[in-house]
Amino acid sequence: MGVIANLFGGAQAVTAIGTAAKDIAEVFTPSATRQMELSAEAQMAALRQLGAEYADPGLGWFDRMVNGLNRLPRPMLAFGTLGLFVYAMVEPVSFGERMVGLNLVPDPLWWLLGAVVGFYFGAREAHYYRRPTAPVAVPAPENAAAMTAVSEPNPALQDWRGTGR
């Protein structure tokens, strides 16, 4: 390197020529490493935006009350059914009278009750099926280039080795 440095006039001149050659080469062939860095930065920005959308909205007392009321039907149905068994054992005659009353309810009303309960629980299941978990906010990386080098292979290095795409 000493001959080249003396030929071009010093280490700064060689560095300037190398930088100029790199810049000219990137005009014709984009830097694969820089593309990976930009892709990682864009992905991290999208993840940060998505995490901000799912941040805690700071619900008020009314919202908390409605959320609590929305959680009541399933436990009430489960404990109510168990309560019917206890009621049948404690007061069998009264329980029998109530069941005779239920027997007088017309079939279309039973179908309507089944549809309402089925759609309520079906809608809850569909809601949780569509959105199984909330995304976790990802902190911004200190150095996106270091993160990219660890998580993905270097395409420029693969091209140099001859194992590229």
C-alpha atoms as a PDB file:
ATOM      1  CA  MET A   1       0.000   0.000   0.000  1.00  0.00           C
ATOM      2  CA  GLY A   2       2.976   2.288   0.430  1.00  0.00           C
ATOM      3  CA  VAL A   3       3.609   2.545  -3.328  1.00  0.00           C
ATOM      4  CA  ILE A   4      -0.037   3.399  -4.059  1.00  0.00           C
ATOM      5  CA  ALA A   5      -0.122   5.960  -1.238  1.00  0.00           C
ATOM      6  CA  ASN A   6       3.032   7.632  -2.602  1.00  0.00           C
ATOM      7  CA  LEU A   7       1.720   7.432  -6.173  1.00  0.00           C
ATOM      8  CA  PHE A   8      -1.571   9.215  -5.383  1.00  0.00           C
ATOM      9  CA  GLY A   9      -0.218  11.612  -2.806  1.00  0.00           C
ATOM     10  CA  GLY A  10      -0.915  10.190   0.664  1.00  0.00           C
ATOM     11  CA  ALA A  11      -3.395   8.151   2.720  1.00  0.00           C
ATOM     12  CA  GLN A  12      -6.138  10.782   2.514  1.00  0.00           C
ATOM     13  CA  ALA A  13      -6.044  10.706  -1.291  1.00  0.00           C
ATOM     14  CA  VAL A  14      -6.312   6.897  -1.352  1.00  0.00           C
ATOM     15  CA  THR A  15      -9.251   7.047   1.064  1.00  0.00           C
ATOM     16  CA  ALA A  16     -10.948   9.713  -1.081  1.00  0.00           C
ATOM     17  CA  ILE A  17     -10.477   7.625  -4.233  1.00  0.00           C
ATOM     18  CA  GLY A  18     -11.877   4.543  -2.490  1.00  0.00           C
ATOM     19  CA  THR A  19     -14.901   6.476  -1.241  1.00  0.00           C
ATOM     20  CA  ALA A  20     -15.518   7.924  -4.703  1.00  0.00           C
ATOM     21  CA  ALA A  21     -15.279   4.463  -6.286  1.00  0.00           C
ATOM     22  CA  LYS A  22     -17.750   3.076  -3.737  1.00  0.00           C
ATOM     23  CA  ASP A  23     -20.170   5.935  -4.387  1.00  0.00           C
ATOM     24  CA  ILE A  24     -19.961   5.439  -8.158  1.00  0.00           C
ATOM     25  CA  ALA A  25     -20.478   1.678  -7.778  1.00  0.00           C
ATOM     26  CA  GLU A  26     -23.580   2.255  -5.642  1.00  0.00           C
ATOM     27  CA  VAL A  27     -25.101   4.325  -8.443  1.00  0.00           C
ATOM     28  CA  PHE A  28     -25.140   1.244 -10.689  1.00  0.00           C
ATOM     29  CA  THR A  29     -25.580  -1.470  -8.024  1.00  0.00           C
ATOM     30  CA  PRO A  30     -27.386  -0.510  -4.809  1.00  0.00           C
ATOM     31  CA  SER A  31     -25.741  -1.477  -1.546  1.00  0.00           C
ATOM     32  CA  ALA A  32     -27.373  -4.695  -0.298  1.00  0.00           C
ATOM     33  CA  THR A  33     -26.277  -3.937   3.253  1.00  0.00           C
ATOM     34  CA  ARG A  34     -27.839  -0.473   3.138  1.00  0.00           C
ATOM     35  CA  GLN A  35     -31.056  -1.958   1.725  1.00  0.00           C
ATOM     36  CA  MET A  36     -31.152  -4.386   4.658  1.00  0.00           C
ATOM     37  CA  GLU A  37     -30.572  -1.544   7.120  1.00  0.00           C
ATOM     38  CA  LEU A  38     -33.386   0.521   5.580  1.00  0.00           C
ATOM     39  CA  SER A  39     -35.691  -2.520   5.568  1.00  0.00           C
ATOM     40  CA  ALA A  40     -34.951  -3.194   9.235  1.00  0.00           C
ATOM     41  CA  GLU A  41     -35.550   0.456  10.122  1.00  0.00           C
ATOM     42  CA  ALA A  42     -38.882   0.463   8.261  1.00  0.00           C
ATOM     43  CA  GLN A  43     -39.935  -2.764   9.950  1.00  0.00           C
ATOM     44  CA  MET A  44     -39.022  -1.439  13.388  1.00  0.00           C
ATOM     45  CA  ALA A  45     -40.918   1.806  12.691  1.00  0.00           C
ATOM     46  CA  ALA A  46     -43.992  -0.212  11.699  1.00  0.00           C
ATOM     47  CA  LEU A  47     -43.700  -2.335  14.855  1.00  0.00           C
ATOM     48  CA  ARG A  48     -43.360   0.773  17.022  1.00  0.00           C
ATOM     49  CA  GLN A  49     -46.447   2.299  15.384  1.00  0.00           C
ATOM     50  CA  LEU A  50     -48.410  -0.932  15.871  1.00  0.00           C
ATOM     51  CA  GLY A  51     -47.312  -1.095  19.507  1.00  0.00           C
ATOM     52  CA  ALA A  52     -48.434   2.504  20.045  1.00  0.00           C
ATOM     53  CA  GLU A  53     -51.878   1.664  18.641  1.00  0.00           C
ATOM     54  CA  TYR A  54     -52.337  -1.054  21.256  1.00  0.00           C
ATOM     55  CA  ALA A  55     -51.043   0.989  24.178  1.00  0.00           C
ATOM     56  CA  ASP A  56     -53.194   1.211  27.285  1.00  0.00           C
ATOM     57  CA  PRO A  57     -55.986   3.677  26.476  1.00  0.00           C
ATOM     58  CA  GLY A  58     -56.520   4.611  30.147  1.00  0.00           C
ATOM     59  CA  LEU A  59     -60.122   3.480  30.486  1.00  0.00           C
ATOM     60  CA  GLY A  60     -62.528   5.468  32.668  1.00  0.00           C
ATOM     61  CA  TRP A  61     -64.903   4.102  35.315  1.00  0.00           C
ATOM     62  CA  PHE A  62     -67.755   3.641  32.812  1.00  0.00           C
ATOM     63  CA  ASP A  63     -65.587   1.622  30.421  1.00  0.00           C
ATOM     64  CA  ARG A  64     -64.359  -0.574  33.265  1.00  0.00           C
ATOM     65  CA  MET A  65     -67.953  -1.105  34.455  1.00  0.00           C
ATOM     66  CA  VAL A  66     -69.141  -2.132  30.963  1.00  0.00           C
ATOM     67  CA  ASN A  67     -66.155  -4.482  30.580  1.00  0.00           C
ATOM     68  CA  GLY A  68     -67.084  -6.052  33.929  1.00  0.00           C
ATOM     69  CA  LEU A  69     -70.723  -6.461  32.853  1.00  0.00           C
ATOM     70  CA  ASN A  70     -69.567  -8.109  29.617  1.00  0.00           C
ATOM     71  CA  ARG A  71     -67.753 -10.736  31.675  1.00  0.00           C
ATOM     72  CA  LEU A  72     -70.808 -11.699  33.757  1.00  0.00           C
ATOM     73  CA  PRO A  73     -73.018 -13.901  31.472  1.00  0.00           C
ATOM     74  CA  ARG A  74     -70.822 -17.013  31.333  1.00  0.00           C
ATOM     75  CA  PRO A  75     -70.231 -17.321  35.089  1.00  0.00           C
ATOM     76  CA  MET A  76     -73.887 -16.520  35.773  1.00  0.00           C
ATOM     77  CA  LEU A  77     -75.017 -19.285  33.394  1.00  0.00           C
ATOM     78  CA  ALA A  78     -72.572 -21.795  34.892  1.00  0.00           C
ATOM     79  CA  PHE A  79     -73.394 -21.017  38.528  1.00  0.00           C
ATOM     80  CA  GLY A  80     -77.102 -20.737  37.725  1.00  0.00           C
ATOM     81  CA  THR A  81     -77.098 -24.258  36.291  1.00  0.00           C
ATOM     82  CA  LEU A  82     -75.357 -25.586  39.389  1.00  0.00           C
ATOM     83  CA  GLY A  83     -77.871 -23.643  41.499  1.00  0.00           C
ATOM     84  CA  LEU A  84     -80.726 -25.435  39.714  1.00  0.00           C
ATOM     85  CA  PHE A  85     -79.304 -28.788  40.831  1.00  0.00           C
ATOM     86  CA  VAL A  86     -79.033 -27.565  44.417  1.00  0.00           C
ATOM     87  CA  TYR A  87     -82.586 -26.130  44.218  1.00  0.00           C
ATOM     88  CA  ALA A  88     -83.912 -29.478  42.904  1.00  0.00           C
ATOM     89  CA  MET A  89     -82.412 -31.310  45.895  1.00  0.00           C
ATOM     90  CA  VAL A  90     -83.522 -28.761  48.522  1.00  0.00           C
ATOM     91  CA  GLU A  91     -87.080 -28.064  47.262  1.00  0.00           C
ATOM     92  CA  PRO A  92     -88.081 -30.872  44.864  1.00  0.00           C
ATOM     93  CA  VAL A  93     -91.818 -30.004  44.819  1.00  0.00           C
ATOM     94  CA  SER A  94     -91.221 -26.309  44.094  1.00  0.00           C
ATOM     95  CA  PHE A  95     -88.580 -27.223  41.509  1.00  0.00           C
ATOM     96  CA  GLY A  96     -91.067 -29.544  39.790  1.00  0.00           C
ATOM     97  CA  GLU A  97     -93.672 -26.771  39.646  1.00  0.00           C
ATOM     98  CA  ARG A  98     -91.134 -24.437  38.022  1.00  0.00           C
ATOM     99  CA  MET A  99     -90.171 -27.085  35.472  1.00  0.00           C
ATOM    100  CA  VAL A 100     -93.848 -27.596  34.569  1.00  0.00           C
ATOM    101  CA  GLY A 101     -93.975 -23.842  33.950  1.00  0.00           C
ATOM    102  CA  LEU A 102     -90.930 -24.087  31.670  1.00  0.00           C
ATOM    103  CA  ASN A 103     -92.645 -26.933  29.818  1.00  0.00           C
ATOM    104  CA  LEU A 104     -95.427 -24.491  28.875  1.00  0.00           C
ATOM    105  CA  VAL A 105     -93.018 -22.126  27.069  1.00  0.00           C
ATOM    106  CA  PRO A 106     -93.679 -22.446  23.291  1.00  0.00           C
ATOM    107  CA  ASP A 107     -90.988 -23.971  21.069  1.00  0.00           C
ATOM    108  CA  PRO A 108     -90.357 -20.831  18.963  1.00  0.00           C
ATOM    109  CA  LEU A 109     -89.436 -18.953  22.137  1.00  0.00           C
ATOM    110  CA  TRP A 110     -86.909 -21.675  23.030  1.00  0.00           C
ATOM    111  CA  TRP A 111     -85.447 -21.390  19.522  1.00  0.00           C
ATOM    112  CA  LEU A 112     -85.185 -17.626  19.940  1.00  0.00           C
ATOM    113  CA  LEU A 113     -83.432 -18.026  23.306  1.00  0.00           C
ATOM    114  CA  GLY A 114     -81.041 -20.551  21.763  1.00  0.00           C
ATOM    115  CA  ALA A 115     -80.273 -18.178  18.870  1.00  0.00           C
ATOM    116  CA  VAL A 116     -79.611 -15.221  21.186  1.00  0.00           C
ATOM    117  CA  VAL A 117     -77.324 -17.221  23.493  1.00  0.00           C
ATOM    118  CA  GLY A 118     -75.615 -18.931  20.538  1.00  0.00           C
ATOM    119  CA  PHE A 119     -74.925 -15.674  18.732  1.00  0.00           C
ATOM    120  CA  TYR A 120     -73.680 -14.035  21.925  1.00  0.00           C
ATOM    121  CA  PHE A 121     -71.116 -16.743  22.623  1.00  0.00           C
ATOM    122  CA  GLY A 122     -70.365 -17.210  18.919  1.00  0.00           C
ATOM    123  CA  ALA A 123     -69.585 -13.522  18.519  1.00  0.00           C
ATOM    124  CA  ARG A 124     -67.301 -13.607  21.558  1.00  0.00           C
ATOM    125  CA  GLU A 125     -65.500 -16.656  20.164  1.00  0.00           C
ATOM    126  CA  ALA A 126     -65.134 -15.032  16.751  1.00  0.00           C
ATOM    127  CA  HIS A 127     -63.767 -11.870  18.384  1.00  0.00           C
ATOM    128  CA  TYR A 128     -61.079 -13.790  20.254  1.00  0.00           C
ATOM    129  CA  TYR A 129     -60.365 -16.021  17.252  1.00  0.00           C
ATOM    130  CA  ARG A 130     -59.694 -13.029  14.990  1.00  0.00           C
ATOM    131  CA  ARG A 131     -57.394 -11.337  17.495  1.00  0.00           C
ATOM    132  CA  PRO A 132     -55.787 -14.053  19.649  1.00  0.00           C
ATOM    133  CA  THR A 133     -53.154 -11.877  21.323  1.00  0.00           C
ATOM    134  CA  ALA A 134     -52.242  -8.239  21.467  1.00  0.00           C
ATOM    135  CA  PRO A 135     -48.884  -7.385  19.874  1.00  0.00           C
ATOM    136  CA  VAL A 136     -46.029  -6.501  22.170  1.00  0.00           C
ATOM    137  CA  ALA A 137     -44.356  -3.113  21.733  1.00  0.00           C
ATOM    138  CA  VAL A 138     -40.759  -3.557  20.554  1.00  0.00           C
ATOM    139  CA  PRO A 139     -38.179  -1.063  21.841  1.00  0.00           C
ATOM    140  CA  ALA A 140     -36.177   0.821  19.225  1.00  0.00           C
ATOM    141  CA  PRO A 141     -32.759  -0.736  18.552  1.00  0.00           C
ATOM    142  CA  GLU A 142     -29.687   1.283  19.404  1.00  0.00           C
ATOM    143  CA  ASN A 143     -27.946   0.248  16.218  1.00  0.00           C
ATOM    144  CA  ALA A 144     -30.115  -1.054  13.365  1.00  0.00           C
ATOM    145  CA  ALA A 145     -27.076  -2.146  11.357  1.00  0.00           C
ATOM    146  CA  ALA A 146     -25.815  -4.376  14.172  1.00  0.00           C
ATOM    147  CA  MET A 147     -29.287  -5.889  14.565  1.00  0.00           C
ATOM    148  CA  THR A 148     -29.527  -6.607  10.834  1.00  0.00           C
ATOM    149  CA  ALA A 149     -26.108  -8.213  10.722  1.00  0.00           C
ATOM    150  CA  VAL A 150     -27.084 -10.599  13.509  1.00  0.00           C
ATOM    151  CA  SER A 151     -30.589 -11.487  12.344  1.00  0.00           C
ATOM    152  CA  GLU A 152     -30.068 -11.883   8.576  1.00  0.00           C
ATOM    153  CA  PRO A 153     -27.242 -13.063   6.332  1.00  0.00           C
ATOM    154  CA  ASN A 154     -25.287 -10.489   4.366  1.00  0.00           C
ATOM    155  CA  PRO A 155     -26.345 -10.622   0.668  1.00  0.00           C
ATOM    156  CA  ALA A 156     -23.171  -8.858  -0.483  1.00  0.00           C
ATOM    157  CA  LEU A 157     -21.067 -11.471   1.286  1.00  0.00           C
ATOM    158  CA  GLN A 158     -23.153 -14.263  -0.254  1.00  0.00           C
ATOM    159  CA  ASP A 159     -22.622 -12.783  -3.746  1.00  0.00           C
ATOM    160  CA  TRP A 160     -18.882 -12.556  -3.112  1.00  0.00           C
ATOM    161  CA  ARG A 161     -18.751 -16.200  -2.005  1.00  0.00           C
ATOM    162  CA  GLY A 162     -20.789 -17.271  -5.027  1.00  0.00           C
ATOM    163  CA  THR A 163     -23.685 -18.638  -2.942  1.00  0.00           C
ATOM    164  CA  GLY A 164     -26.008 -15.721  -3.658  1.00  0.00           C
ATOM    165  CA  ARG A 165     -29.553 -15.874  -4.941  1.00  0.00           C
END
